[in-house]
Amino acid sequence: MVTYEQVKNDPEVHALIKKADDVMTAIGYTEHCFAHVDKVAHTACNILSTLGYPERECEKAKIAGYLHDIGNVVNRDDHAQSGAMIAYSILRRMGCDIDEMADIMTAIGHHDERTAAPVSDIAAALILADKTDVRANRVRNVSDVSSFDIHDRVNYSVKSSQIFVDAGQRQIRLSLTIDTHQCPVIDYFEIYSARMILCRKAASRLSATFSLIINEQQLI
């Protein structure tokens, strides 16, 4: 069986993730490189593991998390679908089982909020992991705060970000501490409301609830 470590250490994967992030840099997006995909991979795995899923399901979620943004090397538009097909090529070369390959492709192909749907448990975990990665160090150029767009302002204002998974209560919580002098809470909802609704649907797929806590106040 193909492992997360095999995928992470594969030279082709490494090169494509780096090139994909170069595209995101060129069009002015926040960091989508190794820090992001590694965090998403581990968060997706942890969500399923904590909720009691089999070890192999957690590993597949981890692989999907690491590969999920690789399609940005082609274009930001439809990157989930192109990323799924690139993942197919990579995993097939590695000798991945067809059923497992399909599970990973499905999750990658359904993670972008414009076309996303928690169609499987792995897809649900990937959605939750990806949409909750909000942090200041995703902002690339912090030397000129006046040039920030709303995505930069929101991410840069986040002083701490934690995901809590409560297996007993079947709860998944995103807890953020935001500097409201840099970014009012309403700015967060302006760009993240659709993502938070998607997170609620993803949590429901896992027979769990999702809540958002900002500055110790539960908002959803």
N, C-alpha and C. Protein backbone atom coordinates (compact mmCIF):
# COMPACT_ATOMS: atom_id res chain seq x y z
N MET A 1 0.84 -1.20 0.00
CA MET A 1 0.00 0.00 0.00
C MET A 1 0.88 1.25 0.00
N VAL A 2 0.47 2.24 -0.76
CA VAL A 2 1.20 3.50 -0.82
C VAL A 2 1.01 4.24 0.50
N THR A 3 2.10 4.76 1.04
CA THR A 3 2.05 5.45 2.32
C THR A 3 2.19 6.96 2.15
N TYR A 4 1.81 7.66 3.19
CA TYR A 4 1.97 9.11 3.21
C TYR A 4 3.44 9.50 3.04
N GLU A 5 4.33 8.80 3.72
CA GLU A 5 5.75 9.13 3.64
C GLU A 5 6.29 8.95 2.23
N GLN A 6 5.82 7.92 1.53
CA GLN A 6 6.23 7.73 0.14
C GLN A 6 5.81 8.92 -0.72
N VAL A 7 4.57 9.34 -0.54
CA VAL A 7 4.04 10.48 -1.32
C VAL A 7 4.80 11.75 -0.97
N LYS A 8 4.98 12.00 0.31
CA LYS A 8 5.64 13.23 0.76
C LYS A 8 7.08 13.31 0.26
N ASN A 9 7.75 12.19 0.19
CA ASN A 9 9.17 12.19 -0.19
C ASN A 9 9.40 11.96 -1.68
N ASP A 10 8.33 11.90 -2.46
CA ASP A 10 8.47 11.67 -3.89
C ASP A 10 8.94 12.95 -4.58
N PRO A 11 10.02 12.89 -5.36
CA PRO A 11 10.55 14.11 -6.01
C PRO A 11 9.55 14.79 -6.94
N GLU A 12 8.77 14.01 -7.67
CA GLU A 12 7.77 14.61 -8.57
C GLU A 12 6.72 15.38 -7.77
N VAL A 13 6.24 14.79 -6.70
CA VAL A 13 5.26 15.47 -5.84
C VAL A 13 5.84 16.76 -5.29
N HIS A 14 7.07 16.67 -4.81
CA HIS A 14 7.73 17.85 -4.24
C HIS A 14 7.82 18.97 -5.27
N ALA A 15 8.24 18.64 -6.48
CA ALA A 15 8.41 19.65 -7.53
C ALA A 15 7.08 20.26 -7.93
N LEU A 16 6.04 19.45 -8.05
CA LEU A 16 4.73 19.95 -8.48
C LEU A 16 4.09 20.85 -7.42
N ILE A 17 4.23 20.49 -6.15
CA ILE A 17 3.70 21.35 -5.09
C ILE A 17 4.40 22.69 -5.09
N LYS A 18 5.71 22.67 -5.27
CA LYS A 18 6.48 23.93 -5.31
C LYS A 18 6.04 24.77 -6.51
N LYS A 19 5.90 24.16 -7.67
CA LYS A 19 5.48 24.90 -8.86
C LYS A 19 4.05 25.40 -8.73
N ALA A 20 3.20 24.61 -8.10
CA ALA A 20 1.82 25.04 -7.88
C ALA A 20 1.77 26.27 -6.99
N ASP A 21 2.61 26.29 -5.97
CA ASP A 21 2.64 27.47 -5.09
C ASP A 21 3.24 28.67 -5.80
N ASP A 22 4.16 28.45 -6.73
CA ASP A 22 4.69 29.56 -7.53
C ASP A 22 3.55 30.24 -8.30
N VAL A 23 2.62 29.44 -8.81
CA VAL A 23 1.46 30.00 -9.51
C VAL A 23 0.64 30.86 -8.55
N MET A 24 0.42 30.34 -7.35
CA MET A 24 -0.38 31.07 -6.36
C MET A 24 0.31 32.37 -5.95
N THR A 25 1.62 32.34 -5.87
CA THR A 25 2.38 33.56 -5.57
C THR A 25 2.19 34.59 -6.68
N ALA A 26 2.25 34.13 -7.91
CA ALA A 26 2.15 35.03 -9.06
C ALA A 26 0.80 35.72 -9.14
N ILE A 27 -0.27 35.04 -8.71
CA ILE A 27 -1.60 35.64 -8.81
C ILE A 27 -2.04 36.27 -7.49
N GLY A 28 -1.12 36.30 -6.50
CA GLY A 28 -1.37 37.04 -5.28
C GLY A 28 -2.13 36.32 -4.20
N TYR A 29 -2.11 34.98 -4.20
CA TYR A 29 -2.80 34.21 -3.17
C TYR A 29 -1.88 33.95 -1.97
N THR A 30 -2.51 33.62 -0.87
CA THR A 30 -1.76 33.25 0.34
C THR A 30 -1.02 31.93 0.12
N GLU A 31 -0.16 31.60 1.05
CA GLU A 31 0.71 30.42 0.97
C GLU A 31 -0.09 29.13 0.78
N HIS A 32 0.28 28.38 -0.26
CA HIS A 32 -0.32 27.08 -0.54
C HIS A 32 0.76 26.01 -0.72
N CYS A 33 1.90 26.21 -0.09
CA CYS A 33 3.04 25.32 -0.31
C CYS A 33 3.10 24.23 0.76
N PHE A 34 4.29 23.83 1.15
CA PHE A 34 4.46 22.66 2.01
C PHE A 34 3.87 22.83 3.40
N ALA A 35 3.94 24.04 3.95
CA ALA A 35 3.36 24.26 5.28
C ALA A 35 1.86 24.01 5.26
N HIS A 36 1.20 24.50 4.21
CA HIS A 36 -0.25 24.32 4.10
C HIS A 36 -0.63 22.87 3.88
N VAL A 37 -0.03 22.22 2.88
CA VAL A 37 -0.46 20.86 2.55
C VAL A 37 -0.11 19.88 3.66
N ASP A 38 1.01 20.10 4.35
CA ASP A 38 1.38 19.22 5.46
C ASP A 38 0.41 19.39 6.63
N LYS A 39 0.03 20.63 6.90
CA LYS A 39 -0.94 20.89 7.98
C LYS A 39 -2.29 20.28 7.65
N VAL A 40 -2.74 20.46 6.42
CA VAL A 40 -4.03 19.89 6.00
C VAL A 40 -3.98 18.36 6.09
N ALA A 41 -2.88 17.78 5.66
CA ALA A 41 -2.74 16.32 5.72
C ALA A 41 -2.87 15.80 7.15
N HIS A 42 -2.15 16.42 8.06
CA HIS A 42 -2.17 15.95 9.45
C HIS A 42 -3.51 16.23 10.13
N THR A 43 -4.12 17.37 9.81
CA THR A 43 -5.41 17.69 10.41
C THR A 43 -6.49 16.72 9.93
N ALA A 44 -6.51 16.43 8.64
CA ALA A 44 -7.50 15.49 8.10
C ALA A 44 -7.33 14.11 8.74
N CYS A 45 -6.10 13.68 8.85
CA CYS A 45 -5.81 12.38 9.49
C CYS A 45 -6.25 12.38 10.95
N ASN A 46 -5.94 13.46 11.66
CA ASN A 46 -6.28 13.54 13.09
C ASN A 46 -7.79 13.55 13.31
N ILE A 47 -8.53 14.23 12.44
CA ILE A 47 -9.99 14.26 12.59
C ILE A 47 -10.55 12.84 12.53
N LEU A 48 -10.17 12.09 11.50
CA LEU A 48 -10.69 10.74 11.36
C LEU A 48 -10.18 9.81 12.46
N SER A 49 -8.91 9.95 12.80
CA SER A 49 -8.34 9.09 13.84
C SER A 49 -9.05 9.31 15.18
N THR A 50 -9.25 10.57 15.54
CA THR A 50 -9.89 10.88 16.82
C THR A 50 -11.34 10.39 16.85
N LEU A 51 -12.00 10.42 15.70
CA LEU A 51 -13.39 9.96 15.63
C LEU A 51 -13.50 8.45 15.48
N GLY A 52 -12.36 7.76 15.50
CA GLY A 52 -12.39 6.30 15.56
C GLY A 52 -12.36 5.58 14.23
N TYR A 53 -11.93 6.24 13.18
CA TYR A 53 -11.87 5.60 11.87
C TYR A 53 -10.66 4.67 11.78
N PRO A 54 -10.72 3.67 10.91
CA PRO A 54 -9.59 2.74 10.75
C PRO A 54 -8.33 3.47 10.31
N GLU A 55 -7.20 2.91 10.67
CA GLU A 55 -5.91 3.54 10.40
C GLU A 55 -5.70 3.80 8.92
N ARG A 56 -6.13 2.88 8.07
CA ARG A 56 -5.90 3.07 6.64
C ARG A 56 -6.74 4.21 6.07
N GLU A 57 -7.96 4.40 6.59
CA GLU A 57 -8.78 5.53 6.16
C GLU A 57 -8.09 6.85 6.53
N CYS A 58 -7.49 6.87 7.71
CA CYS A 58 -6.77 8.06 8.15
C CYS A 58 -5.56 8.33 7.26
N GLU A 59 -4.87 7.27 6.86
CA GLU A 59 -3.70 7.41 5.99
C GLU A 59 -4.11 7.94 4.61
N LYS A 60 -5.22 7.45 4.09
CA LYS A 60 -5.70 7.94 2.79
C LYS A 60 -6.09 9.41 2.87
N ALA A 61 -6.69 9.80 3.98
CA ALA A 61 -7.03 11.22 4.17
C ALA A 61 -5.77 12.07 4.22
N LYS A 62 -4.74 11.52 4.83
CA LYS A 62 -3.46 12.22 4.93
C LYS A 62 -2.83 12.41 3.55
N ILE A 63 -2.89 11.37 2.73
CA ILE A 63 -2.35 11.45 1.37
C ILE A 63 -3.15 12.47 0.55
N ALA A 64 -4.47 12.41 0.65
CA ALA A 64 -5.32 13.36 -0.07
C ALA A 64 -5.01 14.79 0.36
N GLY A 65 -4.80 14.98 1.65
CA GLY A 65 -4.48 16.30 2.16
C GLY A 65 -3.18 16.84 1.60
N TYR A 66 -2.20 15.98 1.46
CA TYR A 66 -0.90 16.43 0.95
C TYR A 66 -0.96 16.77 -0.53
N LEU A 67 -1.80 16.08 -1.27
CA LEU A 67 -1.87 16.27 -2.73
C LEU A 67 -2.99 17.23 -3.15
N HIS A 68 -3.80 17.72 -2.22
CA HIS A 68 -5.07 18.34 -2.61
C HIS A 68 -4.92 19.60 -3.45
N ASP A 69 -3.84 20.35 -3.32
CA ASP A 69 -3.69 21.61 -4.07
C ASP A 69 -2.72 21.50 -5.25
N ILE A 70 -2.35 20.30 -5.60
CA ILE A 70 -1.34 20.12 -6.65
C ILE A 70 -1.85 20.60 -8.01
N GLY A 71 -3.17 20.65 -8.18
CA GLY A 71 -3.75 21.10 -9.44
C GLY A 71 -3.55 22.58 -9.73
N ASN A 72 -3.14 23.35 -8.72
CA ASN A 72 -2.84 24.76 -8.96
C ASN A 72 -1.70 24.95 -9.95
N VAL A 73 -0.91 23.91 -10.17
CA VAL A 73 0.16 23.99 -11.16
C VAL A 73 -0.41 24.16 -12.56
N VAL A 74 -1.63 23.72 -12.78
CA VAL A 74 -2.30 23.86 -14.08
C VAL A 74 -3.00 25.21 -14.15
N ASN A 75 -3.89 25.46 -13.17
CA ASN A 75 -4.63 26.72 -13.09
C ASN A 75 -5.40 26.71 -11.78
N ARG A 76 -5.62 27.89 -11.22
CA ARG A 76 -6.43 27.96 -10.00
C ARG A 76 -7.86 27.50 -10.28
N ASP A 77 -8.41 27.89 -11.43
CA ASP A 77 -9.75 27.43 -11.79
C ASP A 77 -9.74 25.92 -12.00
N ASP A 78 -10.72 25.28 -11.40
CA ASP A 78 -10.88 23.82 -11.52
C ASP A 78 -9.67 23.05 -11.00
N HIS A 79 -8.94 23.64 -10.04
CA HIS A 79 -7.72 22.98 -9.56
C HIS A 79 -8.02 21.69 -8.80
N ALA A 80 -9.21 21.59 -8.24
CA ALA A 80 -9.55 20.34 -7.54
C ALA A 80 -9.64 19.18 -8.52
N GLN A 81 -10.29 19.43 -9.65
CA GLN A 81 -10.45 18.37 -10.65
C GLN A 81 -9.12 18.02 -11.33
N SER A 82 -8.37 19.05 -11.73
CA SER A 82 -7.08 18.76 -12.36
C SER A 82 -6.13 18.12 -11.36
N GLY A 83 -6.21 18.53 -10.10
CA GLY A 83 -5.38 17.93 -9.06
C GLY A 83 -5.69 16.46 -8.85
N ALA A 84 -6.97 16.10 -8.94
CA ALA A 84 -7.36 14.69 -8.81
C ALA A 84 -6.74 13.85 -9.92
N MET A 85 -6.70 14.39 -11.12
CA MET A 85 -6.14 13.64 -12.25
C MET A 85 -4.61 13.55 -12.16
N ILE A 86 -3.98 14.61 -11.66
CA ILE A 86 -2.53 14.54 -11.45
C ILE A 86 -2.22 13.50 -10.37
N ALA A 87 -3.04 13.49 -9.32
CA ALA A 87 -2.86 12.50 -8.25
C ALA A 87 -3.01 11.08 -8.79
N TYR A 88 -3.95 10.89 -9.70
CA TYR A 88 -4.13 9.58 -10.33
C TYR A 88 -2.85 9.11 -11.00
N SER A 89 -2.22 10.01 -11.75
CA SER A 89 -0.98 9.66 -12.45
C SER A 89 0.13 9.29 -11.47
N ILE A 90 0.24 10.07 -10.43
CA ILE A 90 1.30 9.84 -9.43
C ILE A 90 1.06 8.53 -8.68
N LEU A 91 -0.16 8.33 -8.20
CA LEU A 91 -0.47 7.15 -7.40
C LEU A 91 -0.42 5.87 -8.24
N ARG A 92 -0.82 5.98 -9.49
CA ARG A 92 -0.74 4.82 -10.37
C ARG A 92 0.72 4.42 -10.58
N ARG A 93 1.60 5.40 -10.77
CA ARG A 93 3.02 5.11 -10.91
C ARG A 93 3.57 4.41 -9.68
N MET A 94 3.05 4.77 -8.53
CA MET A 94 3.51 4.19 -7.27
C MET A 94 2.92 2.81 -6.99
N GLY A 95 1.98 2.39 -7.85
CA GLY A 95 1.39 1.07 -7.67
C GLY A 95 0.24 1.04 -6.70
N CYS A 96 -0.45 2.17 -6.56
CA CYS A 96 -1.56 2.26 -5.61
C CYS A 96 -2.74 1.40 -6.06
N ASP A 97 -3.40 0.77 -5.11
CA ASP A 97 -4.61 0.00 -5.37
C ASP A 97 -5.68 0.91 -5.98
N ILE A 98 -6.41 0.43 -6.97
CA ILE A 98 -7.36 1.26 -7.70
C ILE A 98 -8.47 1.81 -6.80
N ASP A 99 -8.95 1.01 -5.86
CA ASP A 99 -10.01 1.48 -4.98
C ASP A 99 -9.51 2.61 -4.07
N GLU A 100 -8.31 2.44 -3.54
CA GLU A 100 -7.74 3.48 -2.70
C GLU A 100 -7.44 4.73 -3.52
N MET A 101 -6.96 4.53 -4.74
CA MET A 101 -6.67 5.66 -5.62
C MET A 101 -7.95 6.45 -5.89
N ALA A 102 -9.05 5.75 -6.12
CA ALA A 102 -10.32 6.40 -6.38
C ALA A 102 -10.78 7.18 -5.15
N ASP A 103 -10.60 6.62 -3.96
CA ASP A 103 -10.99 7.31 -2.73
C ASP A 103 -10.23 8.63 -2.58
N ILE A 104 -8.95 8.60 -2.86
CA ILE A 104 -8.11 9.79 -2.71
C ILE A 104 -8.47 10.82 -3.78
N MET A 105 -8.68 10.36 -5.01
CA MET A 105 -9.06 11.27 -6.10
C MET A 105 -10.40 11.94 -5.82
N THR A 106 -11.34 11.19 -5.32
CA THR A 106 -12.67 11.73 -5.01
C THR A 106 -12.57 12.85 -3.98
N ALA A 107 -11.79 12.63 -2.94
CA ALA A 107 -11.62 13.65 -1.91
C ALA A 107 -10.98 14.92 -2.48
N ILE A 108 -9.93 14.74 -3.25
CA ILE A 108 -9.25 15.91 -3.84
C ILE A 108 -10.20 16.65 -4.78
N GLY A 109 -10.95 15.93 -5.57
CA GLY A 109 -11.85 16.53 -6.55
C GLY A 109 -13.03 17.26 -5.95
N HIS A 110 -13.27 17.07 -4.65
CA HIS A 110 -14.43 17.70 -4.00
C HIS A 110 -14.04 18.65 -2.88
N HIS A 111 -12.82 19.18 -2.89
CA HIS A 111 -12.41 20.03 -1.76
C HIS A 111 -12.59 21.53 -2.01
N ASP A 112 -12.68 21.96 -3.27
CA ASP A 112 -12.80 23.39 -3.55
C ASP A 112 -14.23 23.85 -3.32
N GLU A 113 -14.41 24.94 -2.54
CA GLU A 113 -15.76 25.30 -2.10
C GLU A 113 -16.73 25.59 -3.23
N ARG A 114 -16.23 25.97 -4.41
CA ARG A 114 -17.14 26.26 -5.52
C ARG A 114 -17.82 24.99 -6.05
N THR A 115 -17.18 23.85 -5.89
CA THR A 115 -17.74 22.59 -6.39
C THR A 115 -17.69 21.49 -5.33
N ALA A 116 -17.38 21.86 -4.09
CA ALA A 116 -17.13 20.87 -3.05
C ALA A 116 -18.41 20.21 -2.55
N ALA A 117 -18.23 18.99 -2.08
CA ALA A 117 -19.30 18.26 -1.41
C ALA A 117 -18.65 17.15 -0.59
N PRO A 118 -19.10 16.95 0.65
CA PRO A 118 -18.54 15.87 1.47
C PRO A 118 -19.13 14.52 1.05
N VAL A 119 -18.70 14.04 -0.12
CA VAL A 119 -19.28 12.84 -0.71
C VAL A 119 -18.74 11.56 -0.09
N SER A 120 -17.72 11.68 0.72
CA SER A 120 -17.15 10.53 1.42
C SER A 120 -16.58 11.02 2.74
N ASP A 121 -16.26 10.10 3.63
CA ASP A 121 -15.68 10.49 4.91
C ASP A 121 -14.32 11.15 4.72
N ILE A 122 -13.53 10.64 3.78
CA ILE A 122 -12.22 11.24 3.50
C ILE A 122 -12.39 12.64 2.93
N ALA A 123 -13.35 12.80 2.01
CA ALA A 123 -13.62 14.13 1.46
C ALA A 123 -14.04 15.10 2.56
N ALA A 124 -14.87 14.64 3.48
CA ALA A 124 -15.33 15.49 4.59
C ALA A 124 -14.16 15.93 5.46
N ALA A 125 -13.27 15.00 5.78
CA ALA A 125 -12.11 15.34 6.61
C ALA A 125 -11.20 16.32 5.89
N LEU A 126 -11.03 16.14 4.59
CA LEU A 126 -10.19 17.06 3.81
C LEU A 126 -10.80 18.45 3.76
N ILE A 127 -12.09 18.55 3.55
CA ILE A 127 -12.77 19.85 3.55
C ILE A 127 -12.54 20.56 4.88
N LEU A 128 -12.77 19.87 5.97
CA LEU A 128 -12.61 20.48 7.29
C LEU A 128 -11.17 20.93 7.52
N ALA A 129 -10.22 20.11 7.14
CA ALA A 129 -8.81 20.44 7.35
C ALA A 129 -8.38 21.63 6.51
N ASP A 130 -8.82 21.67 5.26
CA ASP A 130 -8.41 22.73 4.35
C ASP A 130 -9.06 24.06 4.71
N LYS A 131 -10.35 24.06 4.96
CA LYS A 131 -11.08 25.32 5.18
C LYS A 131 -10.81 25.94 6.55
N THR A 132 -10.19 25.21 7.43
CA THR A 132 -9.89 25.75 8.76
C THR A 132 -8.43 26.17 8.91
N ASP A 133 -7.66 26.09 7.84
CA ASP A 133 -6.25 26.52 7.93
C ASP A 133 -6.16 28.03 7.72
N VAL A 134 -6.39 28.74 8.80
CA VAL A 134 -6.33 30.21 8.80
C VAL A 134 -5.24 30.60 9.78
N ARG A 135 -4.21 31.32 9.31
CA ARG A 135 -3.10 31.69 10.18
C ARG A 135 -2.30 32.82 9.56
N ALA A 136 -1.64 33.58 10.42
CA ALA A 136 -0.92 34.79 9.97
C ALA A 136 0.21 34.46 9.02
N ASN A 137 0.90 33.35 9.24
CA ASN A 137 2.07 33.07 8.40
C ASN A 137 1.71 32.50 7.03
N ARG A 138 0.42 32.51 6.67
CA ARG A 138 0.06 32.22 5.28
C ARG A 138 0.18 33.48 4.41
N VAL A 139 0.28 34.64 5.05
CA VAL A 139 0.44 35.89 4.31
C VAL A 139 1.90 35.99 3.87
N ARG A 140 2.14 36.28 2.61
CA ARG A 140 3.48 36.22 2.05
C ARG A 140 4.30 37.48 2.34
N ASN A 141 3.74 38.63 2.02
CA ASN A 141 4.49 39.88 2.14
C ASN A 141 3.90 40.72 3.26
N VAL A 142 4.58 40.72 4.40
CA VAL A 142 4.06 41.45 5.56
C VAL A 142 4.73 42.81 5.72
N SER A 143 5.54 43.19 4.76
CA SER A 143 6.27 44.46 4.87
C SER A 143 5.39 45.66 4.51
N ASP A 144 4.30 45.40 3.78
CA ASP A 144 3.42 46.50 3.36
C ASP A 144 1.98 46.12 3.67
N VAL A 145 1.57 46.35 4.93
CA VAL A 145 0.24 45.98 5.37
C VAL A 145 -0.83 46.74 4.58
N SER A 146 -0.51 47.94 4.12
CA SER A 146 -1.49 48.75 3.38
C SER A 146 -1.90 48.11 2.06
N SER A 147 -1.08 47.17 1.57
CA SER A 147 -1.38 46.52 0.29
C SER A 147 -2.23 45.26 0.46
N PHE A 148 -2.54 44.89 1.69
CA PHE A 148 -3.27 43.66 1.96
C PHE A 148 -4.67 43.71 1.33
N ASP A 149 -5.08 42.59 0.72
CA ASP A 149 -6.49 42.45 0.37
C ASP A 149 -7.19 41.80 1.57
N ILE A 150 -8.47 41.51 1.43
CA ILE A 150 -9.23 41.01 2.58
C ILE A 150 -8.72 39.65 3.05
N HIS A 151 -8.26 38.81 2.13
CA HIS A 151 -7.73 37.50 2.54
C HIS A 151 -6.46 37.67 3.38
N ASP A 152 -5.60 38.60 2.97
CA ASP A 152 -4.39 38.87 3.74
C ASP A 152 -4.74 39.43 5.12
N ARG A 153 -5.68 40.38 5.17
CA ARG A 153 -6.06 41.00 6.44
C ARG A 153 -6.61 39.97 7.41
N VAL A 154 -7.49 39.11 6.91
CA VAL A 154 -8.09 38.10 7.78
C VAL A 154 -7.03 37.14 8.31
N ASN A 155 -6.21 36.60 7.43
CA ASN A 155 -5.19 35.65 7.88
C ASN A 155 -4.19 36.31 8.82
N TYR A 156 -3.76 37.52 8.49
CA TYR A 156 -2.73 38.19 9.28
C TYR A 156 -3.25 38.56 10.67
N SER A 157 -4.56 38.73 10.81
CA SER A 157 -5.13 39.11 12.10
C SER A 157 -5.24 37.94 13.07
N VAL A 158 -5.07 36.71 12.57
CA VAL A 158 -5.25 35.53 13.41
C VAL A 158 -3.99 35.29 14.25
N LYS A 159 -4.15 35.43 15.55
CA LYS A 159 -3.02 35.25 16.47
C LYS A 159 -2.88 33.81 16.94
N SER A 160 -3.97 33.08 16.95
CA SER A 160 -3.91 31.64 17.24
C SER A 160 -5.08 30.96 16.57
N SER A 161 -4.85 29.72 16.16
CA SER A 161 -5.86 28.94 15.46
C SER A 161 -5.71 27.48 15.88
N GLN A 162 -6.79 26.90 16.40
CA GLN A 162 -6.74 25.53 16.87
C GLN A 162 -7.99 24.78 16.47
N ILE A 163 -7.81 23.52 16.09
CA ILE A 163 -8.92 22.62 15.81
C ILE A 163 -9.03 21.62 16.96
N PHE A 164 -10.20 21.53 17.53
CA PHE A 164 -10.46 20.57 18.61
C PHE A 164 -11.47 19.54 18.11
N VAL A 165 -11.15 18.27 18.34
CA VAL A 165 -12.05 17.18 17.96
C VAL A 165 -12.41 16.42 19.23
N ASP A 166 -13.69 16.42 19.56
CA ASP A 166 -14.20 15.73 20.75
C ASP A 166 -14.94 14.49 20.30
N ALA A 167 -14.30 13.33 20.47
CA ALA A 167 -14.89 12.09 19.98
C ALA A 167 -16.15 11.72 20.75
N GLY A 168 -16.14 11.96 22.05
CA GLY A 168 -17.30 11.60 22.87
C GLY A 168 -18.54 12.38 22.51
N GLN A 169 -18.38 13.68 22.31
CA GLN A 169 -19.50 14.54 21.96
C GLN A 169 -19.71 14.66 20.45
N ARG A 170 -18.82 14.04 19.69
CA ARG A 170 -18.85 14.14 18.22
C ARG A 170 -18.90 15.61 17.79
N GLN A 171 -17.95 16.37 18.30
CA GLN A 171 -17.87 17.80 18.02
C GLN A 171 -16.51 18.14 17.39
N ILE A 172 -16.55 19.03 16.42
CA ILE A 172 -15.33 19.58 15.82
C ILE A 172 -15.42 21.09 15.96
N ARG A 173 -14.40 21.70 16.58
CA ARG A 173 -14.45 23.14 16.85
C ARG A 173 -13.21 23.82 16.31
N LEU A 174 -13.43 24.93 15.62
CA LEU A 174 -12.34 25.81 15.20
C LEU A 174 -12.33 27.00 16.14
N SER A 175 -11.24 27.17 16.86
CA SER A 175 -11.12 28.27 17.82
C SER A 175 -10.05 29.24 17.33
N LEU A 176 -10.45 30.48 17.10
CA LEU A 176 -9.55 31.51 16.61
C LEU A 176 -9.44 32.66 17.61
N THR A 177 -8.24 33.21 17.70
CA THR A 177 -8.04 34.48 18.37
C THR A 177 -7.66 35.48 17.30
N ILE A 178 -8.48 36.53 17.15
CA ILE A 178 -8.30 37.51 16.08
C ILE A 178 -8.03 38.88 16.69
N ASP A 179 -7.07 39.58 16.12
CA ASP A 179 -6.81 40.98 16.48
C ASP A 179 -7.83 41.83 15.71
N THR A 180 -8.87 42.27 16.39
CA THR A 180 -9.94 43.00 15.71
C THR A 180 -9.53 44.41 15.31
N HIS A 181 -8.38 44.89 15.79
CA HIS A 181 -7.87 46.17 15.32
C HIS A 181 -7.33 46.05 13.89
N GLN A 182 -6.84 44.87 13.56
CA GLN A 182 -6.34 44.63 12.22
C GLN A 182 -7.45 44.20 11.26
N CYS A 183 -8.44 43.49 11.80
CA CYS A 183 -9.49 42.95 10.95
C CYS A 183 -10.75 42.71 11.78
N PRO A 184 -11.85 43.40 11.49
CA PRO A 184 -13.09 43.14 12.22
C PRO A 184 -13.61 41.74 11.92
N VAL A 185 -14.34 41.18 12.85
CA VAL A 185 -14.85 39.81 12.70
C VAL A 185 -15.72 39.70 11.45
N ILE A 186 -16.44 40.77 11.10
CA ILE A 186 -17.31 40.71 9.93
C ILE A 186 -16.53 40.43 8.66
N ASP A 187 -15.26 40.87 8.60
CA ASP A 187 -14.43 40.58 7.42
C ASP A 187 -14.18 39.09 7.29
N TYR A 188 -14.03 38.41 8.44
CA TYR A 188 -13.85 36.96 8.41
C TYR A 188 -15.05 36.30 7.75
N PHE A 189 -16.24 36.71 8.16
CA PHE A 189 -17.45 36.09 7.62
C PHE A 189 -17.67 36.46 6.16
N GLU A 190 -17.17 37.61 5.74
CA GLU A 190 -17.36 38.00 4.35
C GLU A 190 -16.72 37.00 3.39
N ILE A 191 -15.58 36.45 3.77
CA ILE A 191 -14.90 35.51 2.87
C ILE A 191 -14.99 34.06 3.33
N TYR A 192 -15.36 33.83 4.58
CA TYR A 192 -15.34 32.47 5.10
C TYR A 192 -16.72 31.88 5.41
N SER A 193 -17.79 32.64 5.23
CA SER A 193 -19.11 32.11 5.60
C SER A 193 -19.45 30.86 4.79
N ALA A 194 -19.18 30.88 3.48
CA ALA A 194 -19.46 29.71 2.65
C ALA A 194 -18.61 28.52 3.08
N ARG A 195 -17.39 28.79 3.48
CA ARG A 195 -16.50 27.71 3.92
C ARG A 195 -16.98 27.11 5.25
N MET A 196 -17.48 27.96 6.13
CA MET A 196 -17.95 27.47 7.42
C MET A 196 -19.23 26.64 7.25
N ILE A 197 -20.10 27.05 6.33
CA ILE A 197 -21.29 26.26 6.03
C ILE A 197 -20.88 24.90 5.47
N LEU A 198 -19.87 24.90 4.61
CA LEU A 198 -19.36 23.64 4.06
C LEU A 198 -18.77 22.77 5.16
N CYS A 199 -18.10 23.39 6.12
CA CYS A 199 -17.54 22.63 7.25
C CYS A 199 -18.65 21.98 8.07
N ARG A 200 -19.77 22.67 8.23
CA ARG A 200 -20.89 22.08 8.96
C ARG A 200 -21.42 20.85 8.22
N LYS A 201 -21.51 20.94 6.89
CA LYS A 201 -21.96 19.80 6.10
C LYS A 201 -20.97 18.64 6.19
N ALA A 202 -19.68 18.98 6.17
CA ALA A 202 -18.64 17.95 6.25
C ALA A 202 -18.68 17.25 7.61
N ALA A 203 -18.85 18.04 8.67
CA ALA A 203 -18.93 17.45 10.01
C ALA A 203 -20.15 16.54 10.11
N SER A 204 -21.27 16.97 9.53
CA SER A 204 -22.47 16.15 9.55
C SER A 204 -22.24 14.80 8.87
N ARG A 205 -21.47 14.81 7.79
CA ARG A 205 -21.13 13.56 7.11
C ARG A 205 -20.43 12.59 8.07
N LEU A 206 -19.65 13.17 9.00
CA LEU A 206 -18.91 12.36 9.97
C LEU A 206 -19.71 12.14 11.26
N SER A 207 -21.02 12.41 11.20
CA SER A 207 -21.91 12.29 12.36
C SER A 207 -21.42 13.14 13.52
N ALA A 208 -20.99 14.35 13.18
CA ALA A 208 -20.47 15.29 14.17
C ALA A 208 -21.05 16.67 13.90
N THR A 209 -20.82 17.59 14.84
CA THR A 209 -21.22 18.97 14.66
C THR A 209 -19.97 19.83 14.52
N PHE A 210 -20.14 20.98 13.88
CA PHE A 210 -19.02 21.91 13.71
C PHE A 210 -19.39 23.25 14.33
N SER A 211 -18.44 23.83 15.06
CA SER A 211 -18.68 25.16 15.62
C SER A 211 -17.45 26.03 15.44
N LEU A 212 -17.70 27.33 15.35
CA LEU A 212 -16.64 28.32 15.19
C LEU A 212 -16.64 29.23 16.42
N ILE A 213 -15.48 29.35 17.03
CA ILE A 213 -15.31 30.20 18.20
C ILE A 213 -14.26 31.25 17.87
N ILE A 214 -14.64 32.53 17.97
CA ILE A 214 -13.71 33.63 17.73
C ILE A 214 -13.63 34.49 18.98
N ASN A 215 -12.41 34.65 19.48
CA ASN A 215 -12.18 35.42 20.70
C ASN A 215 -13.09 34.98 21.83
N GLU A 216 -13.18 33.63 21.98
CA GLU A 216 -13.90 32.95 23.05
C GLU A 216 -15.42 33.09 22.95
N GLN A 217 -15.92 33.52 21.83
CA GLN A 217 -17.36 33.60 21.61
C GLN A 217 -17.76 32.63 20.51
N GLN A 218 -18.71 31.76 20.80
CA GLN A 218 -19.16 30.82 19.77
C GLN A 218 -20.10 31.54 18.82
N LEU A 219 -19.76 31.50 17.54
CA LEU A 219 -20.53 32.22 16.53
C LEU A 219 -21.40 31.32 15.68
N ILE A 220 -20.96 30.07 15.46
CA ILE A 220 -21.81 29.08 14.78
C ILE A 220 -21.64 27.75 15.48
